[in-house]
Structure formats: structure tokens, C-alpha cells
PDB file of N, CA and C in Angstrom:
ATOM      1  N   UNK A   1      -9.244  64.660   5.771  1.00  0.00           N
ATOM      2  CA  UNK A   1      -9.842  65.661   4.925  1.00  0.00           C
ATOM      3  C   UNK A   1     -10.518  64.945   3.764  1.00  0.00           C
ATOM      4  N   UNK A   2     -11.662  65.409   3.387  1.00  0.00           N
ATOM      5  CA  UNK A   2     -12.372  64.832   2.254  1.00  0.00           C
ATOM      6  C   UNK A   2     -11.689  65.147   0.935  1.00  0.00           C
ATOM      7  N   UNK A   3     -11.989  64.348  -0.067  1.00  0.00           N
ATOM      8  CA  UNK A   3     -11.299  64.515  -1.343  1.00  0.00           C
ATOM      9  C   UNK A   3     -11.711  65.769  -2.107  1.00  0.00           C
ATOM     10  N   UNK A   4     -12.901  66.288  -1.854  1.00  0.00           N
ATOM     11  CA  UNK A   4     -13.287  67.543  -2.511  1.00  0.00           C
ATOM     12  C   UNK A   4     -12.445  68.687  -1.951  1.00  0.00           C
ATOM     13  N   UNK A   5     -12.316  68.744  -0.639  1.00  0.00           N
ATOM     14  CA  UNK A   5     -11.479  69.779  -0.016  1.00  0.00           C
ATOM     15  C   UNK A   5     -10.012  69.586  -0.391  1.00  0.00           C
ATOM     16  N   UNK A   6      -9.545  68.354  -0.373  1.00  0.00           N
ATOM     17  CA  UNK A   6      -8.150  68.080  -0.723  1.00  0.00           C
ATOM     18  C   UNK A   6      -7.848  68.503  -2.152  1.00  0.00           C
ATOM     19  N   UNK A   7      -8.782  68.259  -3.061  1.00  0.00           N
ATOM     20  CA  UNK A   7      -8.550  68.650  -4.453  1.00  0.00           C
ATOM     21  C   UNK A   7      -8.426  70.162  -4.597  1.00  0.00           C
ATOM     22  N   UNK A   8      -9.052  70.910  -3.707  1.00  0.00           N
ATOM     23  CA  UNK A   8      -8.930  72.373  -3.706  1.00  0.00           C
ATOM     24  C   UNK A   8      -7.570  72.792  -3.141  1.00  0.00           C
ATOM     25  N   UNK A   9      -7.223  72.277  -1.968  1.00  0.00           N
ATOM     26  CA  UNK A   9      -6.004  72.718  -1.288  1.00  0.00           C
ATOM     27  C   UNK A   9      -4.728  72.251  -1.986  1.00  0.00           C
ATOM     28  N   UNK A  10      -4.744  71.084  -2.581  1.00  0.00           N
ATOM     29  CA  UNK A  10      -3.537  70.534  -3.191  1.00  0.00           C
ATOM     30  C   UNK A  10      -3.056  71.373  -4.377  1.00  0.00           C
ATOM     31  N   UNK A  11      -3.933  72.210  -4.926  1.00  0.00           N
ATOM     32  CA  UNK A  11      -3.548  73.061  -6.057  1.00  0.00           C
ATOM     33  C   UNK A  11      -2.924  74.384  -5.608  1.00  0.00           C
ATOM     34  N   UNK A  12      -2.923  74.650  -4.314  1.00  0.00           N
ATOM     35  CA  UNK A  12      -2.352  75.901  -3.792  1.00  0.00           C
ATOM     36  C   UNK A  12      -0.837  75.822  -3.760  1.00  0.00           C
ATOM     37  N   UNK A  13      -0.172  76.933  -3.984  1.00  0.00           N
ATOM     38  CA  UNK A  13       1.285  77.009  -4.063  1.00  0.00           C
ATOM     39  C   UNK A  13       1.964  76.422  -2.826  1.00  0.00           C
ATOM     40  N   UNK A  14       1.441  76.699  -1.646  1.00  0.00           N
ATOM     41  CA  UNK A  14       2.089  76.212  -0.428  1.00  0.00           C
ATOM     42  C   UNK A  14       2.060  74.684  -0.291  1.00  0.00           C
ATOM     43  N   UNK A  15       1.257  74.016  -1.096  1.00  0.00           N
ATOM     44  CA  UNK A  15       1.185  72.559  -1.077  1.00  0.00           C
ATOM     45  C   UNK A  15       1.776  71.942  -2.350  1.00  0.00           C
ATOM     46  N   UNK A  16       2.497  72.725  -3.128  1.00  0.00           N
ATOM     47  CA  UNK A  16       2.990  72.251  -4.422  1.00  0.00           C
ATOM     48  C   UNK A  16       3.936  71.054  -4.307  1.00  0.00           C
ATOM     49  N   UNK A  17       4.614  70.891  -3.179  1.00  0.00           N
ATOM     50  CA  UNK A  17       5.518  69.759  -2.987  1.00  0.00           C
ATOM     51  C   UNK A  17       4.945  68.705  -2.047  1.00  0.00           C
ATOM     52  N   UNK A  18       3.688  68.862  -1.685  1.00  0.00           N
ATOM     53  CA  UNK A  18       3.069  67.950  -0.721  1.00  0.00           C
ATOM     54  C   UNK A  18       2.838  66.573  -1.329  1.00  0.00           C
ATOM     55  N   UNK A  19       2.985  65.564  -0.499  1.00  0.00           N
ATOM     56  CA  UNK A  19       2.604  64.196  -0.858  1.00  0.00           C
ATOM     57  C   UNK A  19       1.247  63.961  -0.223  1.00  0.00           C
ATOM     58  N   UNK A  20       0.418  63.184  -0.866  1.00  0.00           N
ATOM     59  CA  UNK A  20      -0.928  62.987  -0.342  1.00  0.00           C
ATOM     60  C   UNK A  20      -1.354  61.530  -0.491  1.00  0.00           C
ATOM     61  N   UNK A  21      -2.268  61.143   0.372  1.00  0.00           N
ATOM     62  CA  UNK A  21      -2.893  59.831   0.287  1.00  0.00           C
ATOM     63  C   UNK A  21      -4.379  60.072   0.068  1.00  0.00           C
ATOM     64  N   UNK A  22      -4.873  59.590  -1.039  1.00  0.00           N
ATOM     65  CA  UNK A  22      -6.281  59.755  -1.400  1.00  0.00           C
ATOM     66  C   UNK A  22      -6.987  58.441  -1.123  1.00  0.00           C
ATOM     67  N   UNK A  23      -7.861  58.429  -0.138  1.00  0.00           N
ATOM     68  CA  UNK A  23      -8.607  57.224   0.190  1.00  0.00           C
ATOM     69  C   UNK A  23     -10.040  57.399  -0.287  1.00  0.00           C
ATOM     70  N   UNK A  24     -10.454  56.533  -1.180  1.00  0.00           N
ATOM     71  CA  UNK A  24     -11.784  56.593  -1.795  1.00  0.00           C
ATOM     72  C   UNK A  24     -12.058  57.940  -2.451  1.00  0.00           C
ATOM     73  N   UNK A  25     -11.149  58.398  -3.320  1.00  0.00           N
ATOM     74  CA  UNK A  25     -11.397  59.687  -3.973  1.00  0.00           C
ATOM     75  C   UNK A  25     -12.602  59.621  -4.898  1.00  0.00           C
ATOM     76  N   UNK A  26     -13.286  60.712  -4.987  1.00  0.00           N
ATOM     77  CA  UNK A  26     -14.482  60.815  -5.831  1.00  0.00           C
ATOM     78  C   UNK A  26     -14.046  61.046  -7.273  1.00  0.00           C
ATOM     79  N   UNK A  27     -13.482  60.013  -7.914  1.00  0.00           N
ATOM     80  CA  UNK A  27     -12.867  60.194  -9.232  1.00  0.00           C
ATOM     81  C   UNK A  27     -13.859  60.475 -10.351  1.00  0.00           C
ATOM     82  N   UNK A  28     -15.140  60.374 -10.069  1.00  0.00           N
ATOM     83  CA  UNK A  28     -16.132  60.781 -11.069  1.00  0.00           C
ATOM     84  C   UNK A  28     -16.233  62.303 -11.150  1.00  0.00           C
ATOM     85  N   UNK A  29     -15.757  62.992 -10.099  1.00  0.00           N
ATOM     86  CA  UNK A  29     -15.753  64.464 -10.094  1.00  0.00           C
ATOM     87  C   UNK A  29     -14.506  64.960 -10.816  1.00  0.00           C
ATOM     88  N   UNK A  30     -14.687  65.831 -11.768  1.00  0.00           N
ATOM     89  CA  UNK A  30     -13.577  66.339 -12.574  1.00  0.00           C
ATOM     90  C   UNK A  30     -12.521  67.040 -11.717  1.00  0.00           C
ATOM     91  N   UNK A  31     -12.944  67.852 -10.734  1.00  0.00           N
ATOM     92  CA  UNK A  31     -11.979  68.579  -9.911  1.00  0.00           C
ATOM     93  C   UNK A  31     -11.108  67.630  -9.092  1.00  0.00           C
ATOM     94  N   UNK A  32     -11.703  66.564  -8.573  1.00  0.00           N
ATOM     95  CA  UNK A  32     -10.943  65.586  -7.796  1.00  0.00           C
ATOM     96  C   UNK A  32     -10.032  64.784  -8.725  1.00  0.00           C
ATOM     97  N   UNK A  33     -10.579  64.293  -9.800  1.00  0.00           N
ATOM     98  CA  UNK A  33      -9.821  63.495 -10.767  1.00  0.00           C
ATOM     99  C   UNK A  33      -8.592  64.250 -11.273  1.00  0.00           C
ATOM    100  N   UNK A  34      -8.755  65.519 -11.583  1.00  0.00           N
ATOM    101  CA  UNK A  34      -7.650  66.320 -12.119  1.00  0.00           C
ATOM    102  C   UNK A  34      -6.602  66.678 -11.075  1.00  0.00           C
ATOM    103  N   UNK A  35      -6.946  66.615  -9.806  1.00  0.00           N
ATOM    104  CA  UNK A  35      -6.014  67.007  -8.743  1.00  0.00           C
ATOM    105  C   UNK A  35      -5.246  65.833  -8.147  1.00  0.00           C
ATOM    106  N   UNK A  36      -5.589  64.614  -8.521  1.00  0.00           N
ATOM    107  CA  UNK A  36      -4.966  63.442  -7.914  1.00  0.00           C
ATOM    108  C   UNK A  36      -3.450  63.448  -8.041  1.00  0.00           C
ATOM    109  N   UNK A  37      -2.795  63.174  -6.926  1.00  0.00           N
ATOM    110  CA  UNK A  37      -1.345  63.039  -6.863  1.00  0.00           C
ATOM    111  C   UNK A  37      -1.002  61.940  -5.873  1.00  0.00           C
ATOM    112  N   UNK A  38       0.184  61.438  -5.960  1.00  0.00           N
ATOM    113  CA  UNK A  38       0.796  60.543  -4.984  1.00  0.00           C
ATOM    114  C   UNK A  38       0.165  59.168  -4.913  1.00  0.00           C
ATOM    115  N   UNK A  39      -0.580  58.905  -3.864  1.00  0.00           N
ATOM    116  CA  UNK A  39      -1.057  57.564  -3.527  1.00  0.00           C
ATOM    117  C   UNK A  39      -2.572  57.567  -3.492  1.00  0.00           C
ATOM    118  N   UNK A  40      -3.199  56.620  -4.158  1.00  0.00           N
ATOM    119  CA  UNK A  40      -4.655  56.601  -4.319  1.00  0.00           C
ATOM    120  C   UNK A  40      -5.185  55.194  -4.058  1.00  0.00           C
ATOM    121  N   UNK A  41      -6.129  55.059  -3.120  1.00  0.00           N
ATOM    122  CA  UNK A  41      -6.738  53.771  -2.805  1.00  0.00           C
ATOM    123  C   UNK A  41      -8.232  53.868  -3.098  1.00  0.00           C
ATOM    124  N   UNK A  42      -8.739  52.906  -3.876  1.00  0.00           N
ATOM    125  CA  UNK A  42     -10.127  52.940  -4.318  1.00  0.00           C
ATOM    126  C   UNK A  42     -10.782  51.584  -4.067  1.00  0.00           C
ATOM    127  N   UNK A  43     -12.044  51.623  -3.628  1.00  0.00           N
ATOM    128  CA  UNK A  43     -12.823  50.397  -3.462  1.00  0.00           C
ATOM    129  C   UNK A  43     -13.512  50.020  -4.758  1.00  0.00           C
ATOM    130  N   UNK A  44     -13.476  48.741  -5.096  1.00  0.00           N
ATOM    131  CA  UNK A  44     -14.013  48.267  -6.369  1.00  0.00           C
ATOM    132  C   UNK A  44     -15.516  48.347  -6.514  1.00  0.00           C
ATOM    133  N   UNK A  45     -16.270  48.363  -5.387  1.00  0.00           N
ATOM    134  CA  UNK A  45     -17.733  48.507  -5.500  1.00  0.00           C
ATOM    135  C   UNK A  45     -18.210  49.842  -4.937  1.00  0.00           C
ATOM    136  N   UNK A  46     -17.283  50.777  -4.801  1.00  0.00           N
ATOM    137  CA  UNK A  46     -17.616  52.134  -4.392  1.00  0.00           C
ATOM    138  C   UNK A  46     -18.462  52.771  -5.496  1.00  0.00           C
ATOM    139  N   UNK A  47     -19.612  53.362  -5.164  1.00  0.00           N
ATOM    140  CA  UNK A  47     -20.441  54.000  -6.196  1.00  0.00           C
ATOM    141  C   UNK A  47     -19.710  55.123  -6.934  1.00  0.00           C
ATOM    142  N   UNK A  48     -18.654  55.665  -6.335  1.00  0.00           N
ATOM    143  CA  UNK A  48     -17.899  56.733  -6.984  1.00  0.00           C
ATOM    144  C   UNK A  48     -16.745  56.195  -7.834  1.00  0.00           C
ATOM    145  N   UNK A  49     -16.581  54.885  -7.880  1.00  0.00           N
ATOM    146  CA  UNK A  49     -15.526  54.258  -8.672  1.00  0.00           C
ATOM    147  C   UNK A  49     -15.894  54.292 -10.155  1.00  0.00           C
ATOM    148  N   UNK A  50     -14.921  54.604 -10.972  1.00  0.00           N
ATOM    149  CA  UNK A  50     -15.090  54.631 -12.419  1.00  0.00           C
ATOM    150  C   UNK A  50     -13.902  53.873 -13.012  1.00  0.00           C
ATOM    151  N   UNK A  51     -14.155  52.706 -13.563  1.00  0.00           N
ATOM    152  CA  UNK A  51     -13.058  51.848 -14.032  1.00  0.00           C
ATOM    153  C   UNK A  51     -12.238  52.498 -15.146  1.00  0.00           C
ATOM    154  N   UNK A  52     -12.873  53.215 -16.049  1.00  0.00           N
ATOM    155  CA  UNK A  52     -12.109  53.831 -17.136  1.00  0.00           C
ATOM    156  C   UNK A  52     -11.191  54.932 -16.606  1.00  0.00           C
ATOM    157  N   UNK A  53     -11.680  55.719 -15.658  1.00  0.00           N
ATOM    158  CA  UNK A  53     -10.829  56.754 -15.072  1.00  0.00           C
ATOM    159  C   UNK A  53      -9.718  56.126 -14.238  1.00  0.00           C
ATOM    160  N   UNK A  54     -10.035  55.062 -13.504  1.00  0.00           N
ATOM    161  CA  UNK A  54      -9.006  54.404 -12.695  1.00  0.00           C
ATOM    162  C   UNK A  54      -7.925  53.806 -13.596  1.00  0.00           C
ATOM    163  N   UNK A  55      -8.326  53.205 -14.700  1.00  0.00           N
ATOM    164  CA  UNK A  55      -7.339  52.647 -15.626  1.00  0.00           C
ATOM    165  C   UNK A  55      -6.440  53.733 -16.199  1.00  0.00           C
ATOM    166  N   UNK A  56      -6.991  54.906 -16.443  1.00  0.00           N
ATOM    167  CA  UNK A  56      -6.168  56.023 -16.908  1.00  0.00           C
ATOM    168  C   UNK A  56      -5.236  56.503 -15.804  1.00  0.00           C
ATOM    169  N   UNK A  57      -5.720  56.549 -14.566  1.00  0.00           N
ATOM    170  CA  UNK A  57      -4.888  56.946 -13.427  1.00  0.00           C
ATOM    171  C   UNK A  57      -3.675  56.021 -13.322  1.00  0.00           C
ATOM    172  N   UNK A  58      -3.872  54.735 -13.610  1.00  0.00           N
ATOM    173  CA  UNK A  58      -2.777  53.766 -13.521  1.00  0.00           C
ATOM    174  C   UNK A  58      -1.641  54.085 -14.491  1.00  0.00           C
ATOM    175  N   UNK A  59      -1.910  54.856 -15.531  1.00  0.00           N
ATOM    176  CA  UNK A  59      -0.867  55.200 -16.494  1.00  0.00           C
ATOM    177  C   UNK A  59      -0.038  56.408 -16.058  1.00  0.00           C
ATOM    178  N   UNK A  60      -0.468  57.082 -15.000  1.00  0.00           N
ATOM    179  CA  UNK A  60       0.245  58.264 -14.509  1.00  0.00           C
ATOM    180  C   UNK A  60       1.370  57.831 -13.570  1.00  0.00           C
ATOM    181  N   UNK A  61       2.618  58.094 -13.948  1.00  0.00           N
ATOM    182  CA  UNK A  61       3.769  57.658 -13.154  1.00  0.00           C
ATOM    183  C   UNK A  61       3.887  58.395 -11.818  1.00  0.00           C
ATOM    184  N   UNK A  62       3.138  59.478 -11.632  1.00  0.00           N
ATOM    185  CA  UNK A  62       3.188  60.239 -10.384  1.00  0.00           C
ATOM    186  C   UNK A  62       2.165  59.773  -9.358  1.00  0.00           C
ATOM    187  N   UNK A  63       1.350  58.787  -9.726  1.00  0.00           N
ATOM    188  CA  UNK A  63       0.311  58.294  -8.826  1.00  0.00           C
ATOM    189  C   UNK A  63       0.490  56.790  -8.650  1.00  0.00           C
ATOM    190  N   UNK A  64       0.444  56.351  -7.397  1.00  0.00           N
ATOM    191  CA  UNK A  64       0.462  54.920  -7.122  1.00  0.00           C
ATOM    192  C   UNK A  64      -0.957  54.499  -6.749  1.00  0.00           C
ATOM    193  N   UNK A  65      -1.712  53.963  -7.705  1.00  0.00           N
ATOM    194  CA  UNK A  65      -3.106  53.605  -7.439  1.00  0.00           C
ATOM    195  C   UNK A  65      -3.244  52.158  -6.949  1.00  0.00           C
ATOM    196  N   UNK A  66      -4.159  51.960  -6.030  1.00  0.00           N
ATOM    197  CA  UNK A  66      -4.483  50.621  -5.546  1.00  0.00           C
ATOM    198  C   UNK A  66      -5.996  50.460  -5.598  1.00  0.00           C
ATOM    199  N   UNK A  67      -6.438  49.392  -6.227  1.00  0.00           N
ATOM    200  CA  UNK A  67      -7.854  49.053  -6.278  1.00  0.00           C
ATOM    201  C   UNK A  67      -8.062  47.838  -5.388  1.00  0.00           C
ATOM    202  N   UNK A  68      -8.956  47.959  -4.409  1.00  0.00           N
ATOM    203  CA  UNK A  68      -9.271  46.838  -3.536  1.00  0.00           C
ATOM    204  C   UNK A  68     -10.635  46.315  -3.974  1.00  0.00           C
ATOM    205  N   UNK A  69     -10.588  45.250  -4.758  1.00  0.00           N
ATOM    206  CA  UNK A  69     -11.816  44.659  -5.297  1.00  0.00           C
ATOM    207  C   UNK A  69     -12.758  44.236  -4.171  1.00  0.00           C
ATOM    208  N   UNK A  70     -14.039  44.472  -4.370  1.00  0.00           N
ATOM    209  CA  UNK A  70     -15.054  44.025  -3.427  1.00  0.00           C
ATOM    210  C   UNK A  70     -15.271  44.922  -2.220  1.00  0.00           C
ATOM    211  N   UNK A  71     -14.561  46.064  -2.163  1.00  0.00           N
ATOM    212  CA  UNK A  71     -14.760  46.972  -1.029  1.00  0.00           C
ATOM    213  C   UNK A  71     -15.578  48.192  -1.447  1.00  0.00           C
ATOM    214  N   UNK A  72     -16.263  48.762  -0.472  1.00  0.00           N
ATOM    215  CA  UNK A  72     -17.139  49.904  -0.716  1.00  0.00           C
ATOM    216  C   UNK A  72     -16.386  51.225  -0.526  1.00  0.00           C
ATOM    217  N   UNK A  73     -17.106  52.322  -0.416  1.00  0.00           N
ATOM    218  CA  UNK A  73     -16.494  53.641  -0.273  1.00  0.00           C
ATOM    219  C   UNK A  73     -15.678  53.762   1.021  1.00  0.00           C
ATOM    220  N   UNK A  74     -16.034  52.992   2.029  1.00  0.00           N
ATOM    221  CA  UNK A  74     -15.282  52.994   3.297  1.00  0.00           C
ATOM    222  C   UNK A  74     -14.104  52.033   3.256  1.00  0.00           C
ATOM    223  N   UNK A  75     -13.871  51.438   2.089  1.00  0.00           N
ATOM    224  CA  UNK A  75     -12.832  50.424   1.903  1.00  0.00           C
ATOM    225  C   UNK A  75     -13.070  49.222   2.807  1.00  0.00           C
ATOM    226  N   UNK A  76     -14.350  48.911   2.983  1.00  0.00           N
ATOM    227  CA  UNK A  76     -14.769  47.751   3.773  1.00  0.00           C
ATOM    228  C   UNK A  76     -15.533  46.792   2.874  1.00  0.00           C
ATOM    229  N   UNK A  77     -15.501  45.524   3.242  1.00  0.00           N
ATOM    230  CA  UNK A  77     -16.303  44.527   2.550  1.00  0.00           C
ATOM    231  C   UNK A  77     -17.702  44.544   3.166  1.00  0.00           C
ATOM    232  N   UNK A  78     -18.723  44.640   2.335  1.00  0.00           N
ATOM    233  CA  UNK A  78     -20.095  44.623   2.837  1.00  0.00           C
ATOM    234  C   UNK A  78     -20.365  43.319   3.582  1.00  0.00           C
ATOM    235  N   UNK A  79     -21.093  43.422   4.683  1.00  0.00           N
ATOM    236  CA  UNK A  79     -21.514  42.267   5.485  1.00  0.00           C
ATOM    237  C   UNK A  79     -20.350  41.462   6.048  1.00  0.00           C
ATOM    238  N   UNK A  80     -19.195  42.072   6.210  1.00  0.00           N
ATOM    239  CA  UNK A  80     -18.048  41.387   6.786  1.00  0.00           C
ATOM    240  C   UNK A  80     -17.584  42.180   7.999  1.00  0.00           C
ATOM    241  N   UNK A  81     -17.961  41.717   9.182  1.00  0.00           N
ATOM    242  CA  UNK A  81     -17.648  42.458  10.398  1.00  0.00           C
ATOM    243  C   UNK A  81     -16.215  42.261  10.853  1.00  0.00           C
ATOM    244  N   UNK A  82     -15.525  41.290  10.296  1.00  0.00           N
ATOM    245  CA  UNK A  82     -14.125  41.102  10.646  1.00  0.00           C
ATOM    246  C   UNK A  82     -13.298  41.599   9.517  1.00  0.00           C
TER     247      UNK A  82
END
């Protein structure tokens, strides 16, 4: 599920206890940023990456954030087929 849809559904009562994995969340979007929970993986050269927001996310004890330096939105290294 995409992060825009996930940010909508995760706020619903039936998902209040859900754990989630956010892969390449669009943290520049306020709705996505505000809905983040659980586990978050972000690529360091993803155009949607925002270092100041990611640094703030790291201070939230309810989120385990991982930044993979040098990876794009697909969490892949550009020009690296292996």
C-alpha cells in the first residue's frame, strides 16, 4: 500500500493498534508525516526525503527510523544492478 493511502487508513479506529512498515514514506507531505508509526525506512537521495523531518522522526520513541544513504525512492542504489 502506498504511504498516502496508509496515512489515511492508519488513523481509523480499527487500525489503532496496528504496527506498520513505512518504506520510502513521502515525509514532505504533512498527512503522511503526521501519521507515521512503527518502522520507517527512507532512502537518502529520495526526492521525497527531508533531512530535518527525518531528524525529528528519530526523536519519536514510537518510530524506528532507518536511513539508507545513497538509495533512491525504491531503496535502490542508482546504476547498481547488483
